């Protein structure tokens, strides 16, 4: 039995999983971190962890462009 793993370029470290508010995976060219528009960067919403950013207060979003 062979141990098939995803190619390195498609592996996302467990701490860098996408959250619902992310527009793209971390490290995607043309993206960067921004404050979560739902919790305004606090990571909390109504006393609970913000689901949009996963409690980090940051989301990955597109930058620049025309």
PDB file of N, CA and C in Angstrom:
ATOM      1  N   UNK A   1       0.846  -1.169   0.000  1.00  0.00           N
ATOM      2  CA  UNK A   1       0.000   0.000   0.000  1.00  0.00           C
ATOM      3  C   UNK A   1       0.896   1.238   0.000  1.00  0.00           C
ATOM      4  N   UNK A   2       0.616   2.180  -0.881  1.00  0.00           N
ATOM      5  CA  UNK A   2       1.413   3.398  -0.930  1.00  0.00           C
ATOM      6  C   UNK A   2       0.742   4.500  -0.143  1.00  0.00           C
ATOM      7  N   UNK A   3       1.559   5.364   0.423  1.00  0.00           N
ATOM      8  CA  UNK A   3       1.055   6.508   1.175  1.00  0.00           C
ATOM      9  C   UNK A   3       1.016   7.697   0.231  1.00  0.00           C
ATOM     10  N   UNK A   4      -0.140   7.975  -0.321  1.00  0.00           N
ATOM     11  CA  UNK A   4      -0.268   9.092  -1.255  1.00  0.00           C
ATOM     12  C   UNK A   4      -0.587  10.360  -0.488  1.00  0.00           C
ATOM     13  N   UNK A   5       0.222  11.355  -0.724  1.00  0.00           N
ATOM     14  CA  UNK A   5       0.016  12.648  -0.088  1.00  0.00           C
ATOM     15  C   UNK A   5      -0.227  13.683  -1.169  1.00  0.00           C
ATOM     16  N   UNK A   6      -0.896  14.759  -0.777  1.00  0.00           N
ATOM     17  CA  UNK A   6      -1.096  15.844  -1.729  1.00  0.00           C
ATOM     18  C   UNK A   6       0.241  16.485  -2.023  1.00  0.00           C
ATOM     19  N   UNK A   7       0.408  17.021  -3.236  1.00  0.00           N
ATOM     20  CA  UNK A   7       1.655  17.732  -3.544  1.00  0.00           C
ATOM     21  C   UNK A   7       1.878  18.869  -2.552  1.00  0.00           C
ATOM     22  N   UNK A   8       3.124  19.182  -2.274  1.00  0.00           N
ATOM     23  CA  UNK A   8       3.468  20.199  -1.291  1.00  0.00           C
ATOM     24  C   UNK A   8       2.761  21.514  -1.575  1.00  0.00           C
ATOM     25  N   UNK A   9       2.671  21.921  -2.836  1.00  0.00           N
ATOM     26  CA  UNK A   9       2.085  23.217  -3.153  1.00  0.00           C
ATOM     27  C   UNK A   9       0.598  23.299  -2.834  1.00  0.00           C
ATOM     28  N   UNK A  10      -0.082  22.177  -2.647  1.00  0.00           N
ATOM     29  CA  UNK A  10      -1.509  22.230  -2.315  1.00  0.00           C
ATOM     30  C   UNK A  10      -1.765  21.973  -0.839  1.00  0.00           C
ATOM     31  N   UNK A  11      -0.736  21.669  -0.073  1.00  0.00           N
ATOM     32  CA  UNK A  11      -0.923  21.445   1.344  1.00  0.00           C
ATOM     33  C   UNK A  11      -1.051  22.780   2.067  1.00  0.00           C
ATOM     34  N   UNK A  12      -2.038  22.882   2.952  1.00  0.00           N
ATOM     35  CA  UNK A  12      -2.227  24.076   3.764  1.00  0.00           C
ATOM     36  C   UNK A  12      -2.008  23.662   5.209  1.00  0.00           C
ATOM     37  N   UNK A  13      -1.068  24.301   5.910  1.00  0.00           N
ATOM     38  CA  UNK A  13      -0.845  23.940   7.303  1.00  0.00           C
ATOM     39  C   UNK A  13      -2.135  24.069   8.108  1.00  0.00           C
ATOM     40  N   UNK A  14      -2.340  23.233   9.123  1.00  0.00           N
ATOM     41  CA  UNK A  14      -3.572  23.266   9.900  1.00  0.00           C
ATOM     42  C   UNK A  14      -3.882  24.641  10.484  1.00  0.00           C
ATOM     43  N   UNK A  15      -2.855  25.431  10.791  1.00  0.00           N
ATOM     44  CA  UNK A  15      -3.104  26.749  11.371  1.00  0.00           C
ATOM     45  C   UNK A  15      -3.480  27.770  10.307  1.00  0.00           C
ATOM     46  N   UNK A  16      -3.440  27.390   9.030  1.00  0.00           N
ATOM     47  CA  UNK A  16      -3.743  28.315   7.961  1.00  0.00           C
ATOM     48  C   UNK A  16      -4.923  27.849   7.118  1.00  0.00           C
ATOM     49  N   UNK A  17      -5.865  27.201   7.720  1.00  0.00           N
ATOM     50  CA  UNK A  17      -7.052  26.777   6.990  1.00  0.00           C
ATOM     51  C   UNK A  17      -7.900  27.995   6.638  1.00  0.00           C
ATOM     52  N   UNK A  18      -8.659  27.869   5.578  1.00  0.00           N
ATOM     53  CA  UNK A  18      -9.548  28.963   5.192  1.00  0.00           C
ATOM     54  C   UNK A  18     -10.746  29.017   6.124  1.00  0.00           C
ATOM     55  N   UNK A  19     -11.192  30.232   6.385  1.00  0.00           N
ATOM     56  CA  UNK A  19     -12.395  30.477   7.172  1.00  0.00           C
ATOM     57  C   UNK A  19     -13.461  31.018   6.234  1.00  0.00           C
ATOM     58  N   UNK A  20     -14.722  30.991   6.632  1.00  0.00           N
ATOM     59  CA  UNK A  20     -15.786  31.461   5.734  1.00  0.00           C
ATOM     60  C   UNK A  20     -15.578  32.871   5.183  1.00  0.00           C
ATOM     61  N   UNK A  21     -14.936  33.752   5.927  1.00  0.00           N
ATOM     62  CA  UNK A  21     -14.729  35.124   5.475  1.00  0.00           C
ATOM     63  C   UNK A  21     -13.538  35.306   4.552  1.00  0.00           C
ATOM     64  N   UNK A  22     -12.713  34.273   4.378  1.00  0.00           N
ATOM     65  CA  UNK A  22     -11.542  34.365   3.500  1.00  0.00           C
ATOM     66  C   UNK A  22     -11.962  34.313   2.038  1.00  0.00           C
ATOM     67  N   UNK A  23     -11.325  35.141   1.219  1.00  0.00           N
ATOM     68  CA  UNK A  23     -11.587  35.125  -0.218  1.00  0.00           C
ATOM     69  C   UNK A  23     -10.689  34.135  -0.943  1.00  0.00           C
ATOM     70  N   UNK A  24      -9.567  33.759  -0.324  1.00  0.00           N
ATOM     71  CA  UNK A  24      -8.602  32.853  -0.949  1.00  0.00           C
ATOM     72  C   UNK A  24      -7.752  32.222   0.146  1.00  0.00           C
ATOM     73  N   UNK A  25      -7.040  31.141  -0.164  1.00  0.00           N
ATOM     74  CA  UNK A  25      -6.137  30.541   0.818  1.00  0.00           C
ATOM     75  C   UNK A  25      -4.980  31.486   1.141  1.00  0.00           C
ATOM     76  N   UNK A  26      -4.433  31.413   2.352  1.00  0.00           N
ATOM     77  CA  UNK A  26      -3.268  32.231   2.698  1.00  0.00           C
ATOM     78  C   UNK A  26      -2.119  31.993   1.721  1.00  0.00           C
ATOM     79  N   UNK A  27      -1.418  33.061   1.380  1.00  0.00           N
ATOM     80  CA  UNK A  27      -0.281  32.957   0.478  1.00  0.00           C
ATOM     81  C   UNK A  27      -0.624  33.081  -0.987  1.00  0.00           C
ATOM     82  N   UNK A  28      -1.907  33.211  -1.313  1.00  0.00           N
ATOM     83  CA  UNK A  28      -2.302  33.357  -2.704  1.00  0.00           C
ATOM     84  C   UNK A  28      -1.804  34.704  -3.223  1.00  0.00           C
ATOM     85  N   UNK A  29      -1.125  34.724  -4.374  1.00  0.00           N
ATOM     86  CA  UNK A  29      -0.659  36.003  -4.927  1.00  0.00           C
ATOM     87  C   UNK A  29      -1.813  36.994  -5.096  1.00  0.00           C
ATOM     88  N   UNK A  30      -1.561  38.242  -4.768  1.00  0.00           N
ATOM     89  CA  UNK A  30      -2.571  39.276  -4.899  1.00  0.00           C
ATOM     90  C   UNK A  30      -3.525  39.369  -3.729  1.00  0.00           C
ATOM     91  N   UNK A  31      -3.197  38.667  -2.620  1.00  0.00           N
ATOM     92  CA  UNK A  31      -4.045  38.730  -1.431  1.00  0.00           C
ATOM     93  C   UNK A  31      -3.221  39.157  -0.227  1.00  0.00           C
ATOM     94  N   UNK A  32      -3.913  39.537   0.817  1.00  0.00           N
ATOM     95  CA  UNK A  32      -3.267  39.892   2.068  1.00  0.00           C
ATOM     96  C   UNK A  32      -4.274  39.809   3.195  1.00  0.00           C
ATOM     97  N   UNK A  33      -3.803  40.023   4.416  1.00  0.00           N
ATOM     98  CA  UNK A  33      -4.686  39.986   5.574  1.00  0.00           C
ATOM     99  C   UNK A  33      -5.372  41.331   5.763  1.00  0.00           C
ATOM    100  N   UNK A  34      -6.614  41.280   6.145  1.00  0.00           N
ATOM    101  CA  UNK A  34      -7.368  42.474   6.488  1.00  0.00           C
ATOM    102  C   UNK A  34      -8.210  42.186   7.713  1.00  0.00           C
ATOM    103  N   UNK A  35      -8.718  43.223   8.339  1.00  0.00           N
ATOM    104  CA  UNK A  35      -9.584  43.036   9.496  1.00  0.00           C
ATOM    105  C   UNK A  35     -10.903  42.418   9.059  1.00  0.00           C
ATOM    106  N   UNK A  36     -11.396  41.524   9.871  1.00  0.00           N
ATOM    107  CA  UNK A  36     -12.678  40.883   9.587  1.00  0.00           C
ATOM    108  C   UNK A  36     -13.775  41.952   9.634  1.00  0.00           C
ATOM    109  N   UNK A  37     -14.572  42.067   8.571  1.00  0.00           N
ATOM    110  CA  UNK A  37     -15.622  43.080   8.570  1.00  0.00           C
ATOM    111  C   UNK A  37     -16.795  42.733   9.484  1.00  0.00           C
ATOM    112  N   UNK A  38     -16.897  41.481   9.902  1.00  0.00           N
ATOM    113  CA  UNK A  38     -18.004  41.069  10.754  1.00  0.00           C
ATOM    114  C   UNK A  38     -17.752  41.444  12.210  1.00  0.00           C
ATOM    115  N   UNK A  39     -16.552  41.138  12.717  1.00  0.00           N
ATOM    116  CA  UNK A  39     -16.238  41.410  14.134  1.00  0.00           C
ATOM    117  C   UNK A  39     -15.326  42.632  14.301  1.00  0.00           C
ATOM    118  N   UNK A  40     -14.991  43.305  13.203  1.00  0.00           N
ATOM    119  CA  UNK A  40     -14.099  44.465  13.205  1.00  0.00           C
ATOM    120  C   UNK A  40     -12.734  44.156  13.819  1.00  0.00           C
ATOM    121  N   UNK A  41     -12.256  42.922  13.627  1.00  0.00           N
ATOM    122  CA  UNK A  41     -10.922  42.547  14.064  1.00  0.00           C
ATOM    123  C   UNK A  41     -10.801  42.048  15.490  1.00  0.00           C
ATOM    124  N   UNK A  42     -11.907  41.951  16.205  1.00  0.00           N
ATOM    125  CA  UNK A  42     -11.838  41.503  17.603  1.00  0.00           C
ATOM    126  C   UNK A  42     -11.781  39.981  17.726  1.00  0.00           C
ATOM    127  N   UNK A  43     -12.283  39.268  16.720  1.00  0.00           N
ATOM    128  CA  UNK A  43     -12.341  37.807  16.783  1.00  0.00           C
ATOM    129  C   UNK A  43     -13.536  37.301  17.572  1.00  0.00           C
ATOM    130  N   UNK A  44     -14.312  38.219  18.137  1.00  0.00           N
ATOM    131  CA  UNK A  44     -15.477  37.851  18.940  1.00  0.00           C
ATOM    132  C   UNK A  44     -16.713  38.548  18.387  1.00  0.00           C
ATOM    133  N   UNK A  45     -17.850  37.907  18.530  1.00  0.00           N
ATOM    134  CA  UNK A  45     -19.115  38.470  18.093  1.00  0.00           C
ATOM    135  C   UNK A  45     -20.184  38.037  19.086  1.00  0.00           C
ATOM    136  N   UNK A  46     -20.761  38.999  19.759  1.00  0.00           N
ATOM    137  CA  UNK A  46     -21.774  38.727  20.794  1.00  0.00           C
ATOM    138  C   UNK A  46     -21.249  37.755  21.855  1.00  0.00           C
ATOM    139  N   UNK A  47     -19.985  37.905  22.223  1.00  0.00           N
ATOM    140  CA  UNK A  47     -19.386  37.067  23.264  1.00  0.00           C
ATOM    141  C   UNK A  47     -18.889  35.716  22.799  1.00  0.00           C
ATOM    142  N   UNK A  48     -19.116  35.371  21.547  1.00  0.00           N
ATOM    143  CA  UNK A  48     -18.676  34.086  21.002  1.00  0.00           C
ATOM    144  C   UNK A  48     -17.602  34.312  19.946  1.00  0.00           C
ATOM    145  N   UNK A  49     -16.916  33.233  19.596  1.00  0.00           N
ATOM    146  CA  UNK A  49     -15.906  33.292  18.542  1.00  0.00           C
ATOM    147  C   UNK A  49     -16.584  33.646  17.227  1.00  0.00           C
ATOM    148  N   UNK A  50     -16.006  34.591  16.500  1.00  0.00           N
ATOM    149  CA  UNK A  50     -16.541  34.988  15.192  1.00  0.00           C
ATOM    150  C   UNK A  50     -16.327  33.849  14.208  1.00  0.00           C
ATOM    151  N   UNK A  51     -17.387  33.408  13.582  1.00  0.00           N
ATOM    152  CA  UNK A  51     -17.299  32.306  12.625  1.00  0.00           C
ATOM    153  C   UNK A  51     -16.690  32.747  11.300  1.00  0.00           C
ATOM    154  N   UNK A  52     -16.825  34.021  10.957  1.00  0.00           N
ATOM    155  CA  UNK A  52     -16.313  34.498   9.683  1.00  0.00           C
ATOM    156  C   UNK A  52     -14.789  34.398   9.608  1.00  0.00           C
ATOM    157  N   UNK A  53     -14.106  34.760  10.700  1.00  0.00           N
ATOM    158  CA  UNK A  53     -12.639  34.751  10.711  1.00  0.00           C
ATOM    159  C   UNK A  53     -12.070  33.621  11.559  1.00  0.00           C
ATOM    160  N   UNK A  54     -12.919  32.810  12.148  1.00  0.00           N
ATOM    161  CA  UNK A  54     -12.456  31.712  12.992  1.00  0.00           C
ATOM    162  C   UNK A  54     -11.861  32.197  14.307  1.00  0.00           C
ATOM    163  N   UNK A  55     -12.198  33.425  14.705  1.00  0.00           N
ATOM    164  CA  UNK A  55     -11.700  33.968  15.968  1.00  0.00           C
ATOM    165  C   UNK A  55     -10.355  34.660  15.865  1.00  0.00           C
ATOM    166  N   UNK A  56      -9.816  34.788  14.659  1.00  0.00           N
ATOM    167  CA  UNK A  56      -8.504  35.432  14.495  1.00  0.00           C
ATOM    168  C   UNK A  56      -8.610  36.944  14.377  1.00  0.00           C
ATOM    169  N   UNK A  57      -9.770  37.428  13.950  1.00  0.00           N
ATOM    170  CA  UNK A  57      -9.940  38.855  13.721  1.00  0.00           C
ATOM    171  C   UNK A  57      -9.450  39.295  12.355  1.00  0.00           C
ATOM    172  N   UNK A  58      -8.916  38.359  11.571  1.00  0.00           N
ATOM    173  CA  UNK A  58      -8.368  38.678  10.247  1.00  0.00           C
ATOM    174  C   UNK A  58      -8.944  37.745   9.185  1.00  0.00           C
ATOM    175  N   UNK A  59      -9.072  38.272   7.984  1.00  0.00           N
ATOM    176  CA  UNK A  59      -9.500  37.475   6.839  1.00  0.00           C
ATOM    177  C   UNK A  59      -8.517  37.703   5.704  1.00  0.00           C
ATOM    178  N   UNK A  60      -8.425  36.750   4.797  1.00  0.00           N
ATOM    179  CA  UNK A  60      -7.575  36.888   3.613  1.00  0.00           C
ATOM    180  C   UNK A  60      -8.449  37.482   2.507  1.00  0.00           C
ATOM    181  N   UNK A  61      -7.977  38.585   1.927  1.00  0.00           N
ATOM    182  CA  UNK A  61      -8.765  39.262   0.904  1.00  0.00           C
ATOM    183  C   UNK A  61      -7.871  39.745  -0.221  1.00  0.00           C
ATOM    184  N   UNK A  62      -8.493  39.984  -1.364  1.00  0.00           N
ATOM    185  CA  UNK A  62      -7.757  40.505  -2.498  1.00  0.00           C
ATOM    186  C   UNK A  62      -7.284  41.927  -2.223  1.00  0.00           C
ATOM    187  N   UNK A  63      -6.100  42.258  -2.749  1.00  0.00           N
ATOM    188  CA  UNK A  63      -5.574  43.604  -2.585  1.00  0.00           C
ATOM    189  C   UNK A  63      -5.247  44.194  -3.943  1.00  0.00           C
ATOM    190  N   UNK A  64      -5.194  45.490  -4.005  1.00  0.00           N
ATOM    191  CA  UNK A  64      -4.824  46.157  -5.250  1.00  0.00           C
ATOM    192  C   UNK A  64      -5.864  45.963  -6.327  1.00  0.00           C
ATOM    193  N   UNK A  65      -5.428  45.949  -7.534  1.00  0.00           N
ATOM    194  CA  UNK A  65      -6.329  45.764  -8.660  1.00  0.00           C
ATOM    195  C   UNK A  65      -6.778  47.087  -9.242  1.00  0.00           C
ATOM    196  N   UNK A  66      -7.442  46.993 -10.327  1.00  0.00           N
ATOM    197  CA  UNK A  66      -7.922  48.216 -10.970  1.00  0.00           C
ATOM    198  C   UNK A  66      -9.363  48.119 -11.338  1.00  0.00           C
TER     199      UNK A  66
END
